């Protein structure tokens, strides 16, 4: 799940666009919520994660971080490892 400014097809900030671009590299299902449309959701997510900025990425219910963290994980190969079983499950269900 990505809590972002905008939606994956139309991000409303560069950081959200970067996070979407990175995640789309892995052919995994991408769920997103637009925090600009729901101030209560925005505040609740911030309080839950204790992370002040958006986007905020959660993988399998675990808070991962923002676009900078996702990009670093992508570059190091750590993101591929974290997402690999999600991509496999999606391919099996097709």
PDB file of N, CA and C in Angstrom:
ATOM      1  N   UNK A   1       0.857  -1.171   0.000  1.00  0.00           N
ATOM      2  CA  UNK A   1       0.000   0.000   0.000  1.00  0.00           C
ATOM      3  C   UNK A   1       0.900   1.229   0.000  1.00  0.00           C
ATOM      4  N   UNK A   2       0.549   2.160  -0.850  1.00  0.00           N
ATOM      5  CA  UNK A   2       1.272   3.428  -0.869  1.00  0.00           C
ATOM      6  C   UNK A   2       0.280   4.551  -0.576  1.00  0.00           C
ATOM      7  N   UNK A   3       0.576   5.290   0.467  1.00  0.00           N
ATOM      8  CA  UNK A   3      -0.179   6.492   0.801  1.00  0.00           C
ATOM      9  C   UNK A   3       0.576   7.636   0.151  1.00  0.00           C
ATOM     10  N   UNK A   4      -0.070   8.295  -0.785  1.00  0.00           N
ATOM     11  CA  UNK A   4       0.647   9.232  -1.632  1.00  0.00           C
ATOM     12  C   UNK A   4      -0.184  10.463  -1.945  1.00  0.00           C
ATOM     13  N   UNK A   5       0.470  11.432  -2.532  1.00  0.00           N
ATOM     14  CA  UNK A   5      -0.209  12.617  -3.048  1.00  0.00           C
ATOM     15  C   UNK A   5      -0.598  12.305  -4.488  1.00  0.00           C
ATOM     16  N   UNK A   6      -1.891  12.164  -4.714  1.00  0.00           N
ATOM     17  CA  UNK A   6      -2.377  11.776  -6.033  1.00  0.00           C
ATOM     18  C   UNK A   6      -2.647  10.286  -6.088  1.00  0.00           C
ATOM     19  N   UNK A   7      -2.657   9.762  -7.297  1.00  0.00           N
ATOM     20  CA  UNK A   7      -2.874   8.333  -7.540  1.00  0.00           C
ATOM     21  C   UNK A   7      -1.762   7.841  -8.456  1.00  0.00           C
ATOM     22  N   UNK A   8      -1.540   6.528  -8.538  1.00  0.00           N
ATOM     23  CA  UNK A   8      -0.422   6.032  -9.345  1.00  0.00           C
ATOM     24  C   UNK A   8      -0.399   6.540 -10.789  1.00  0.00           C
ATOM     25  N   UNK A   9      -1.556   6.664 -11.406  1.00  0.00           N
ATOM     26  CA  UNK A   9      -1.584   7.141 -12.793  1.00  0.00           C
ATOM     27  C   UNK A   9      -1.427   8.653 -12.913  1.00  0.00           C
ATOM     28  N   UNK A  10      -1.596   9.371 -11.801  1.00  0.00           N
ATOM     29  CA  UNK A  10      -1.464  10.820 -11.815  1.00  0.00           C
ATOM     30  C   UNK A  10      -0.934  11.324 -10.461  1.00  0.00           C
ATOM     31  N   UNK A  11       0.346  11.056 -10.189  1.00  0.00           N
ATOM     32  CA  UNK A  11       0.930  11.530  -8.928  1.00  0.00           C
ATOM     33  C   UNK A  11       0.927  13.052  -8.881  1.00  0.00           C
ATOM     34  N   UNK A  12       0.769  13.597  -7.667  1.00  0.00           N
ATOM     35  CA  UNK A  12       0.703  15.043  -7.501  1.00  0.00           C
ATOM     36  C   UNK A  12       1.989  15.634  -6.918  1.00  0.00           C
ATOM     37  N   UNK A  13       3.038  14.812  -6.800  1.00  0.00           N
ATOM     38  CA  UNK A  13       4.343  15.334  -6.389  1.00  0.00           C
ATOM     39  C   UNK A  13       5.426  14.407  -6.919  1.00  0.00           C
ATOM     40  N   UNK A  14       6.621  14.936  -7.033  1.00  0.00           N
ATOM     41  CA  UNK A  14       7.732  14.174  -7.584  1.00  0.00           C
ATOM     42  C   UNK A  14       8.114  12.966  -6.746  1.00  0.00           C
ATOM     43  N   UNK A  15       8.004  13.073  -5.433  1.00  0.00           N
ATOM     44  CA  UNK A  15       8.368  11.953  -4.565  1.00  0.00           C
ATOM     45  C   UNK A  15       7.386  10.800  -4.725  1.00  0.00           C
ATOM     46  N   UNK A  16       6.103  11.127  -4.828  1.00  0.00           N
ATOM     47  CA  UNK A  16       5.098  10.086  -5.072  1.00  0.00           C
ATOM     48  C   UNK A  16       5.316   9.449  -6.440  1.00  0.00           C
ATOM     49  N   UNK A  17       5.628  10.254  -7.440  1.00  0.00           N
ATOM     50  CA  UNK A  17       5.888   9.725  -8.790  1.00  0.00           C
ATOM     51  C   UNK A  17       7.094   8.784  -8.771  1.00  0.00           C
ATOM     52  N   UNK A  18       8.144   9.156  -8.048  1.00  0.00           N
ATOM     53  CA  UNK A  18       9.334   8.304  -7.952  1.00  0.00           C
ATOM     54  C   UNK A  18       8.998   6.972  -7.302  1.00  0.00           C
ATOM     55  N   UNK A  19       8.257   7.000  -6.209  1.00  0.00           N
ATOM     56  CA  UNK A  19       7.900   5.764  -5.514  1.00  0.00           C
ATOM     57  C   UNK A  19       7.088   4.844  -6.427  1.00  0.00           C
ATOM     58  N   UNK A  20       6.143   5.407  -7.152  1.00  0.00           N
ATOM     59  CA  UNK A  20       5.323   4.604  -8.074  1.00  0.00           C
ATOM     60  C   UNK A  20       6.190   4.006  -9.175  1.00  0.00           C
ATOM     61  N   UNK A  21       7.083   4.810  -9.754  1.00  0.00           N
ATOM     62  CA  UNK A  21       7.974   4.298 -10.812  1.00  0.00           C
ATOM     63  C   UNK A  21       8.815   3.128 -10.320  1.00  0.00           C
ATOM     64  N   UNK A  22       9.369   3.253  -9.132  1.00  0.00           N
ATOM     65  CA  UNK A  22      10.198   2.179  -8.577  1.00  0.00           C
ATOM     66  C   UNK A  22       9.360   0.930  -8.349  1.00  0.00           C
ATOM     67  N   UNK A  23       8.210   1.076  -7.711  1.00  0.00           N
ATOM     68  CA  UNK A  23       7.380  -0.095  -7.411  1.00  0.00           C
ATOM     69  C   UNK A  23       6.860  -0.778  -8.669  1.00  0.00           C
ATOM     70  N   UNK A  24       6.582  -0.017  -9.719  1.00  0.00           N
ATOM     71  CA  UNK A  24       6.094  -0.613 -10.968  1.00  0.00           C
ATOM     72  C   UNK A  24       7.161  -1.465 -11.664  1.00  0.00           C
ATOM     73  N   UNK A  25       8.407  -1.288 -11.295  1.00  0.00           N
ATOM     74  CA  UNK A  25       9.482  -2.114 -11.862  1.00  0.00           C
ATOM     75  C   UNK A  25       9.336  -3.586 -11.481  1.00  0.00           C
ATOM     76  N   UNK A  26       8.568  -3.877 -10.440  1.00  0.00           N
ATOM     77  CA  UNK A  26       8.525  -5.228  -9.876  1.00  0.00           C
ATOM     78  C   UNK A  26       7.290  -6.030 -10.235  1.00  0.00           C
ATOM     79  N   UNK A  27       6.396  -5.482 -11.021  1.00  0.00           N
ATOM     80  CA  UNK A  27       5.230  -6.230 -11.481  1.00  0.00           C
ATOM     81  C   UNK A  27       4.458  -6.847 -10.310  1.00  0.00           C
ATOM     82  N   UNK A  28       4.211  -6.022  -9.294  1.00  0.00           N
ATOM     83  CA  UNK A  28       3.425  -6.453  -8.139  1.00  0.00           C
ATOM     84  C   UNK A  28       2.150  -5.606  -8.086  1.00  0.00           C
ATOM     85  N   UNK A  29       1.108  -6.128  -7.441  1.00  0.00           N
ATOM     86  CA  UNK A  29      -0.104  -5.324  -7.306  1.00  0.00           C
ATOM     87  C   UNK A  29       0.200  -4.051  -6.520  1.00  0.00           C
ATOM     88  N   UNK A  30      -0.336  -2.945  -6.968  1.00  0.00           N
ATOM     89  CA  UNK A  30      -0.068  -1.657  -6.335  1.00  0.00           C
ATOM     90  C   UNK A  30      -1.386  -1.055  -5.860  1.00  0.00           C
ATOM     91  N   UNK A  31      -1.546  -0.982  -4.551  1.00  0.00           N
ATOM     92  CA  UNK A  31      -2.714  -0.335  -3.958  1.00  0.00           C
ATOM     93  C   UNK A  31      -2.287   1.023  -3.455  1.00  0.00           C
ATOM     94  N   UNK A  32      -3.120   2.021  -3.657  1.00  0.00           N
ATOM     95  CA  UNK A  32      -2.755   3.373  -3.256  1.00  0.00           C
ATOM     96  C   UNK A  32      -3.950   4.111  -2.696  1.00  0.00           C
ATOM     97  N   UNK A  33      -3.666   5.056  -1.796  1.00  0.00           N
ATOM     98  CA  UNK A  33      -4.669   5.975  -1.269  1.00  0.00           C
ATOM     99  C   UNK A  33      -4.135   7.385  -1.445  1.00  0.00           C
ATOM    100  N   UNK A  34      -4.986   8.268  -1.906  1.00  0.00           N
ATOM    101  CA  UNK A  34      -4.640   9.664  -2.127  1.00  0.00           C
ATOM    102  C   UNK A  34      -4.881  10.435  -0.834  1.00  0.00           C
ATOM    103  N   UNK A  35      -3.813  10.821  -0.151  1.00  0.00           N
ATOM    104  CA  UNK A  35      -3.953  11.507   1.134  1.00  0.00           C
ATOM    105  C   UNK A  35      -4.435  12.950   0.968  1.00  0.00           C
ATOM    106  N   UNK A  36      -4.365  13.484  -0.231  1.00  0.00           N
ATOM    107  CA  UNK A  36      -4.844  14.847  -0.463  1.00  0.00           C
ATOM    108  C   UNK A  36      -6.368  14.940  -0.373  1.00  0.00           C
ATOM    109  N   UNK A  37      -7.045  13.826  -0.595  1.00  0.00           N
ATOM    110  CA  UNK A  37      -8.508  13.804  -0.563  1.00  0.00           C
ATOM    111  C   UNK A  37      -9.069  13.536   0.822  1.00  0.00           C
ATOM    112  N   UNK A  38      -8.201  13.149   1.766  1.00  0.00           N
ATOM    113  CA  UNK A  38      -8.696  12.737   3.075  1.00  0.00           C
ATOM    114  C   UNK A  38      -7.717  13.167   4.171  1.00  0.00           C
ATOM    115  N   UNK A  39      -7.887  14.384   4.712  1.00  0.00           N
ATOM    116  CA  UNK A  39      -6.978  14.876   5.751  1.00  0.00           C
ATOM    117  C   UNK A  39      -6.928  13.979   6.996  1.00  0.00           C
ATOM    118  N   UNK A  40      -8.050  13.353   7.348  1.00  0.00           N
ATOM    119  CA  UNK A  40      -8.054  12.455   8.503  1.00  0.00           C
ATOM    120  C   UNK A  40      -7.169  11.236   8.251  1.00  0.00           C
ATOM    121  N   UNK A  41      -7.244  10.682   7.045  1.00  0.00           N
ATOM    122  CA  UNK A  41      -6.387   9.553   6.690  1.00  0.00           C
ATOM    123  C   UNK A  41      -4.922   9.973   6.745  1.00  0.00           C
ATOM    124  N   UNK A  42      -4.621  11.130   6.196  1.00  0.00           N
ATOM    125  CA  UNK A  42      -3.250  11.645   6.206  1.00  0.00           C
ATOM    126  C   UNK A  42      -2.711  11.716   7.632  1.00  0.00           C
ATOM    127  N   UNK A  43      -3.480  12.296   8.535  1.00  0.00           N
ATOM    128  CA  UNK A  43      -3.048  12.427   9.925  1.00  0.00           C
ATOM    129  C   UNK A  43      -2.938  11.082  10.621  1.00  0.00           C
ATOM    130  N   UNK A  44      -3.853  10.171  10.334  1.00  0.00           N
ATOM    131  CA  UNK A  44      -3.815   8.846  10.956  1.00  0.00           C
ATOM    132  C   UNK A  44      -2.587   8.056  10.514  1.00  0.00           C
ATOM    133  N   UNK A  45      -2.273   8.122   9.222  1.00  0.00           N
ATOM    134  CA  UNK A  45      -1.098   7.402   8.712  1.00  0.00           C
ATOM    135  C   UNK A  45       0.181   7.978   9.319  1.00  0.00           C
ATOM    136  N   UNK A  46       0.277   9.303   9.376  1.00  0.00           N
ATOM    137  CA  UNK A  46       1.437   9.954  10.000  1.00  0.00           C
ATOM    138  C   UNK A  46       1.601   9.515  11.451  1.00  0.00           C
ATOM    139  N   UNK A  47       0.500   9.477  12.189  1.00  0.00           N
ATOM    140  CA  UNK A  47       0.547   9.090  13.601  1.00  0.00           C
ATOM    141  C   UNK A  47       0.959   7.626  13.749  1.00  0.00           C
ATOM    142  N   UNK A  48       0.430   6.767  12.890  1.00  0.00           N
ATOM    143  CA  UNK A  48       0.732   5.329  12.965  1.00  0.00           C
ATOM    144  C   UNK A  48       2.205   5.051  12.681  1.00  0.00           C
ATOM    145  N   UNK A  49       2.727   5.674  11.630  1.00  0.00           N
ATOM    146  CA  UNK A  49       4.094   5.372  11.202  1.00  0.00           C
ATOM    147  C   UNK A  49       5.146   6.212  11.919  1.00  0.00           C
ATOM    148  N   UNK A  50       4.719   7.318  12.512  1.00  0.00           N
ATOM    149  CA  UNK A  50       5.660   8.286  13.109  1.00  0.00           C
ATOM    150  C   UNK A  50       6.636   8.807  12.051  1.00  0.00           C
ATOM    151  N   UNK A  51       6.153   8.920  10.827  1.00  0.00           N
ATOM    152  CA  UNK A  51       6.936   9.407   9.690  1.00  0.00           C
ATOM    153  C   UNK A  51       6.228  10.651   9.175  1.00  0.00           C
ATOM    154  N   UNK A  52       6.916  11.793   9.067  1.00  0.00           N
ATOM    155  CA  UNK A  52       6.213  13.053   8.801  1.00  0.00           C
ATOM    156  C   UNK A  52       5.874  13.355   7.344  1.00  0.00           C
ATOM    157  N   UNK A  53       6.459  12.628   6.410  1.00  0.00           N
ATOM    158  CA  UNK A  53       6.299  12.999   5.001  1.00  0.00           C
ATOM    159  C   UNK A  53       5.625  11.893   4.193  1.00  0.00           C
ATOM    160  N   UNK A  54       5.208  12.259   2.994  1.00  0.00           N
ATOM    161  CA  UNK A  54       4.586  11.316   2.059  1.00  0.00           C
ATOM    162  C   UNK A  54       5.339  11.364   0.751  1.00  0.00           C
ATOM    163  N   UNK A  55       5.366  10.238   0.029  1.00  0.00           N
ATOM    164  CA  UNK A  55       4.577   9.032   0.214  1.00  0.00           C
ATOM    165  C   UNK A  55       5.094   8.179   1.370  1.00  0.00           C
ATOM    166  N   UNK A  56       4.222   7.289   1.814  1.00  0.00           N
ATOM    167  CA  UNK A  56       4.581   6.289   2.806  1.00  0.00           C
ATOM    168  C   UNK A  56       4.221   4.933   2.223  1.00  0.00           C
ATOM    169  N   UNK A  57       5.192   4.033   2.219  1.00  0.00           N
ATOM    170  CA  UNK A  57       5.005   2.727   1.598  1.00  0.00           C
ATOM    171  C   UNK A  57       4.970   1.649   2.675  1.00  0.00           C
ATOM    172  N   UNK A  58       3.948   0.802   2.578  1.00  0.00           N
ATOM    173  CA  UNK A  58       3.807  -0.358   3.460  1.00  0.00           C
ATOM    174  C   UNK A  58       3.842  -1.597   2.578  1.00  0.00           C
ATOM    175  N   UNK A  59       4.616  -2.585   2.970  1.00  0.00           N
ATOM    176  CA  UNK A  59       4.679  -3.856   2.241  1.00  0.00           C
ATOM    177  C   UNK A  59       4.298  -4.956   3.216  1.00  0.00           C
ATOM    178  N   UNK A  60       3.264  -5.707   2.875  1.00  0.00           N
ATOM    179  CA  UNK A  60       2.732  -6.763   3.729  1.00  0.00           C
ATOM    180  C   UNK A  60       2.422  -6.228   5.123  1.00  0.00           C
ATOM    181  N   UNK A  61       1.885  -5.020   5.184  1.00  0.00           N
ATOM    182  CA  UNK A  61       1.502  -4.411   6.445  1.00  0.00           C
ATOM    183  C   UNK A  61       2.628  -3.762   7.229  1.00  0.00           C
ATOM    184  N   UNK A  62       3.847  -3.893   6.759  1.00  0.00           N
ATOM    185  CA  UNK A  62       5.006  -3.322   7.445  1.00  0.00           C
ATOM    186  C   UNK A  62       5.370  -1.974   6.825  1.00  0.00           C
ATOM    187  N   UNK A  63       5.510  -0.948   7.671  1.00  0.00           N
ATOM    188  CA  UNK A  63       5.924   0.356   7.180  1.00  0.00           C
ATOM    189  C   UNK A  63       7.379   0.273   6.733  1.00  0.00           C
ATOM    190  N   UNK A  64       7.633   0.686   5.484  1.00  0.00           N
ATOM    191  CA  UNK A  64       8.979   0.629   4.918  1.00  0.00           C
ATOM    192  C   UNK A  64       9.636   2.003   4.945  1.00  0.00           C
ATOM    193  N   UNK A  65       8.922   3.025   4.505  1.00  0.00           N
ATOM    194  CA  UNK A  65       9.477   4.374   4.477  1.00  0.00           C
ATOM    195  C   UNK A  65       8.930   5.145   3.296  1.00  0.00           C
ATOM    196  N   UNK A  66       9.677   6.154   2.875  1.00  0.00           N
ATOM    197  CA  UNK A  66       9.270   7.001   1.771  1.00  0.00           C
ATOM    198  C   UNK A  66       9.993   6.660   0.486  1.00  0.00           C
ATOM    199  N   UNK A  67       9.925   7.575  -0.467  1.00  0.00           N
ATOM    200  CA  UNK A  67      10.502   7.310  -1.788  1.00  0.00           C
ATOM    201  C   UNK A  67      12.021   7.144  -1.720  1.00  0.00           C
ATOM    202  N   UNK A  68      12.692   7.867  -0.832  1.00  0.00           N
ATOM    203  CA  UNK A  68      14.144   7.737  -0.720  1.00  0.00           C
ATOM    204  C   UNK A  68      14.537   6.346  -0.228  1.00  0.00           C
ATOM    205  N   UNK A  69      13.782   5.814   0.723  1.00  0.00           N
ATOM    206  CA  UNK A  69      14.059   4.476   1.258  1.00  0.00           C
ATOM    207  C   UNK A  69      13.811   3.424   0.178  1.00  0.00           C
ATOM    208  N   UNK A  70      12.680   3.543  -0.513  1.00  0.00           N
ATOM    209  CA  UNK A  70      12.346   2.592  -1.580  1.00  0.00           C
ATOM    210  C   UNK A  70      13.416   2.620  -2.673  1.00  0.00           C
ATOM    211  N   UNK A  71      13.858   3.823  -3.051  1.00  0.00           N
ATOM    212  CA  UNK A  71      14.883   3.938  -4.084  1.00  0.00           C
ATOM    213  C   UNK A  71      16.180   3.269  -3.627  1.00  0.00           C
ATOM    214  N   UNK A  72      16.591   3.508  -2.395  1.00  0.00           N
ATOM    215  CA  UNK A  72      17.814   2.875  -1.878  1.00  0.00           C
ATOM    216  C   UNK A  72      17.679   1.359  -1.840  1.00  0.00           C
ATOM    217  N   UNK A  73      16.515   0.877  -1.423  1.00  0.00           N
ATOM    218  CA  UNK A  73      16.285  -0.573  -1.385  1.00  0.00           C
ATOM    219  C   UNK A  73      16.296  -1.157  -2.796  1.00  0.00           C
ATOM    220  N   UNK A  74      15.760  -0.434  -3.752  1.00  0.00           N
ATOM    221  CA  UNK A  74      15.761  -0.861  -5.154  1.00  0.00           C
ATOM    222  C   UNK A  74      17.197  -0.969  -5.660  1.00  0.00           C
ATOM    223  N   UNK A  75      17.990   0.048  -5.385  1.00  0.00           N
ATOM    224  CA  UNK A  75      19.368   0.080  -5.866  1.00  0.00           C
ATOM    225  C   UNK A  75      20.222  -1.001  -5.224  1.00  0.00           C
ATOM    226  N   UNK A  76      19.931  -1.362  -3.981  1.00  0.00           N
ATOM    227  CA  UNK A  76      20.728  -2.372  -3.275  1.00  0.00           C
ATOM    228  C   UNK A  76      20.253  -3.799  -3.538  1.00  0.00           C
ATOM    229  N   UNK A  77      19.065  -3.950  -4.122  1.00  0.00           N
ATOM    230  CA  UNK A  77      18.505  -5.279  -4.352  1.00  0.00           C
ATOM    231  C   UNK A  77      17.602  -5.761  -3.223  1.00  0.00           C
ATOM    232  N   UNK A  78      17.565  -5.021  -2.132  1.00  0.00           N
ATOM    233  CA  UNK A  78      16.761  -5.414  -0.975  1.00  0.00           C
ATOM    234  C   UNK A  78      15.266  -5.384  -1.290  1.00  0.00           C
ATOM    235  N   UNK A  79      14.818  -4.439  -2.110  1.00  0.00           N
ATOM    236  CA  UNK A  79      13.403  -4.342  -2.449  1.00  0.00           C
ATOM    237  C   UNK A  79      12.957  -5.544  -3.279  1.00  0.00           C
ATOM    238  N   UNK A  80      13.787  -5.981  -4.184  1.00  0.00           N
ATOM    239  CA  UNK A  80      13.471  -7.158  -5.001  1.00  0.00           C
ATOM    240  C   UNK A  80      13.223  -8.369  -4.108  1.00  0.00           C
ATOM    241  N   UNK A  81      14.069  -8.535  -3.114  1.00  0.00           N
ATOM    242  CA  UNK A  81      13.930  -9.650  -2.181  1.00  0.00           C
ATOM    243  C   UNK A  81      12.623  -9.539  -1.386  1.00  0.00           C
ATOM    244  N   UNK A  82      12.308  -8.345  -0.927  1.00  0.00           N
ATOM    245  CA  UNK A  82      11.108  -8.123  -0.119  1.00  0.00           C
ATOM    246  C   UNK A  82       9.830  -8.347  -0.931  1.00  0.00           C
ATOM    247  N   UNK A  83       9.878  -8.071  -2.225  1.00  0.00           N
ATOM    248  CA  UNK A  83       8.681  -8.167  -3.072  1.00  0.00           C
ATOM    249  C   UNK A  83       8.573  -9.456  -3.859  1.00  0.00           C
ATOM    250  N   UNK A  84       9.602 -10.295  -3.841  1.00  0.00           N
ATOM    251  CA  UNK A  84       9.627 -11.438  -4.763  1.00  0.00           C
ATOM    252  C   UNK A  84       8.449 -12.387  -4.600  1.00  0.00           C
ATOM    253  N   UNK A  85       8.029 -12.701  -3.389  1.00  0.00           N
ATOM    254  CA  UNK A  85       6.911 -13.626  -3.241  1.00  0.00           C
ATOM    255  C   UNK A  85       5.586 -12.982  -3.633  1.00  0.00           C
ATOM    256  N   UNK A  86       5.494 -11.661  -3.587  1.00  0.00           N
ATOM    257  CA  UNK A  86       4.281 -10.978  -4.041  1.00  0.00           C
ATOM    258  C   UNK A  86       4.128 -11.090  -5.548  1.00  0.00           C
ATOM    259  N   UNK A  87       5.208 -10.963  -6.279  1.00  0.00           N
ATOM    260  CA  UNK A  87       5.167 -11.081  -7.738  1.00  0.00           C
ATOM    261  C   UNK A  87       4.829 -12.503  -8.141  1.00  0.00           C
ATOM    262  N   UNK A  88       5.380 -13.482  -7.428  1.00  0.00           N
ATOM    263  CA  UNK A  88       5.108 -14.884  -7.724  1.00  0.00           C
ATOM    264  C   UNK A  88       3.636 -15.195  -7.487  1.00  0.00           C
ATOM    265  N   UNK A  89       3.073 -14.728  -6.375  1.00  0.00           N
ATOM    266  CA  UNK A  89       1.663 -14.981  -6.072  1.00  0.00           C
ATOM    267  C   UNK A  89       0.757 -14.377  -7.140  1.00  0.00           C
ATOM    268  N   UNK A  90       1.096 -13.199  -7.614  1.00  0.00           N
ATOM    269  CA  UNK A  90       0.277 -12.544  -8.645  1.00  0.00           C
ATOM    270  C   UNK A  90       0.322 -13.356  -9.924  1.00  0.00           C
ATOM    271  N   UNK A  91       1.493 -13.850 -10.327  1.00  0.00           N
ATOM    272  CA  UNK A  91       1.612 -14.615 -11.569  1.00  0.00           C
ATOM    273  C   UNK A  91       0.843 -15.926 -11.475  1.00  0.00           C
ATOM    274  N   UNK A  92       0.853 -16.555 -10.296  1.00  0.00           N
ATOM    275  CA  UNK A  92       0.134 -17.820 -10.114  1.00  0.00           C
ATOM    276  C   UNK A  92      -1.381 -17.637 -10.237  1.00  0.00           C
ATOM    277  N   UNK A  93      -1.876 -16.479  -9.801  1.00  0.00           N
ATOM    278  CA  UNK A  93      -3.327 -16.264  -9.817  1.00  0.00           C
ATOM    279  C   UNK A  93      -3.847 -15.875 -11.179  1.00  0.00           C
ATOM    280  N   UNK A  94      -2.973 -15.654 -12.132  1.00  0.00           N
ATOM    281  CA  UNK A  94      -3.407 -15.268 -13.485  1.00  0.00           C
ATOM    282  C   UNK A  94      -3.810 -16.469 -14.292  1.00  0.00           C
TER     283      UNK A  94
END
